[in-house]
Protein backbone atom coordinates (compact mmCIF):
# COMPACT_ATOMS: atom_id res chain seq x y z
CA UNK A 1 15.45 1.99 -12.72
CA UNK A 2 12.42 2.51 -10.46
CA UNK A 3 11.40 -0.27 -8.10
CA UNK A 4 7.87 -1.65 -8.25
CA UNK A 5 5.72 -0.68 -5.28
CA UNK A 6 4.46 -3.54 -3.13
CA UNK A 7 1.17 -5.33 -3.84
CA UNK A 8 -0.86 -7.29 -1.32
CA UNK A 9 -0.76 -11.05 -1.78
CA UNK A 10 -4.34 -11.35 -0.49
CA UNK A 11 -6.32 -8.64 -2.32
CA UNK A 12 -3.73 -7.56 -4.96
CA UNK A 13 -4.01 -3.89 -3.94
CA UNK A 14 -0.99 -1.94 -5.22
CA UNK A 15 0.33 0.02 -2.24
CA UNK A 16 1.57 3.60 -2.28
CA UNK A 17 5.34 4.19 -2.46
CA UNK A 18 7.05 3.51 0.86
CA UNK A 19 4.15 1.42 2.21
CA UNK A 20 4.97 -2.24 2.93
CA UNK A 21 1.80 -3.40 4.70
CA UNK A 22 -1.69 -3.66 3.24
CA UNK A 23 -4.19 -1.50 5.15
CA UNK A 24 -6.97 -3.99 4.31
CA UNK A 25 -5.02 -7.17 5.19
CA UNK A 26 -2.27 -6.22 7.70
CA UNK A 27 -1.17 -9.84 8.27
CA UNK A 28 -0.95 -10.70 4.55
CA UNK A 29 2.40 -10.94 2.77
CA UNK A 30 3.25 -8.23 0.24
CA UNK A 31 5.53 -8.46 -2.77
CA UNK A 32 7.19 -6.18 -5.32
CA UNK A 33 7.09 -9.13 -7.77
CA UNK A 34 3.77 -8.57 -9.52
CA UNK A 35 2.53 -8.17 -13.08
CA UNK A 36 -0.41 -6.50 -14.78
CA UNK A 37 -2.11 -3.37 -13.55
CA UNK A 38 -5.77 -2.41 -13.35
CA UNK A 39 -7.42 0.69 -11.99
CA UNK A 40 -10.89 -0.29 -10.84
CA UNK A 41 -13.27 2.60 -10.37
CA UNK A 42 -16.67 0.85 -10.22
CA UNK A 43 -16.12 -2.70 -8.94
CA UNK A 44 -19.80 -3.65 -9.23
CA UNK A 45 -19.62 -3.00 -13.00
CA UNK A 46 -16.18 -4.51 -13.72
CA UNK A 47 -15.45 -8.01 -15.03
CA UNK A 48 -11.84 -7.71 -13.86
CA UNK A 49 -13.06 -6.79 -10.37
CA UNK A 50 -15.27 -9.88 -10.34
CA UNK A 51 -12.36 -12.14 -11.37
CA UNK A 52 -10.05 -10.59 -8.75
CA UNK A 53 -12.88 -10.60 -6.19
CA UNK A 54 -12.44 -6.86 -5.67
CA UNK A 55 -15.19 -4.94 -3.89
CA UNK A 56 -13.48 -1.56 -3.39
CA UNK A 57 -12.14 0.93 -5.97
CA UNK A 58 -8.37 1.15 -6.26
CA UNK A 59 -5.22 0.18 -8.15
CA UNK A 60 -4.66 -3.57 -8.38
CA UNK A 61 -2.05 -6.01 -9.67
CA UNK A 62 -3.41 -8.81 -11.85
CA UNK A 63 -0.89 -11.36 -10.54
CA UNK A 64 1.18 -11.22 -7.34
CA UNK A 65 4.06 -13.65 -6.80
CA UNK A 66 4.68 -14.39 -3.12
CA UNK A 67 7.91 -16.20 -2.29
């Protein structure tokens, strides 16, 4: 069974395999306990991006659980 990659607790960015620190928020906690997945290509035109407060294209988790 494959392990979920980490997602940033601050911006919800899903990080590349083997990365355990968000490049956008280095001091933020990351977690492999997240659900939902959205690829946002044009944040200025996306309702999901507005709800997640995303301003940059990327792969995002919809919910990140930080323990």
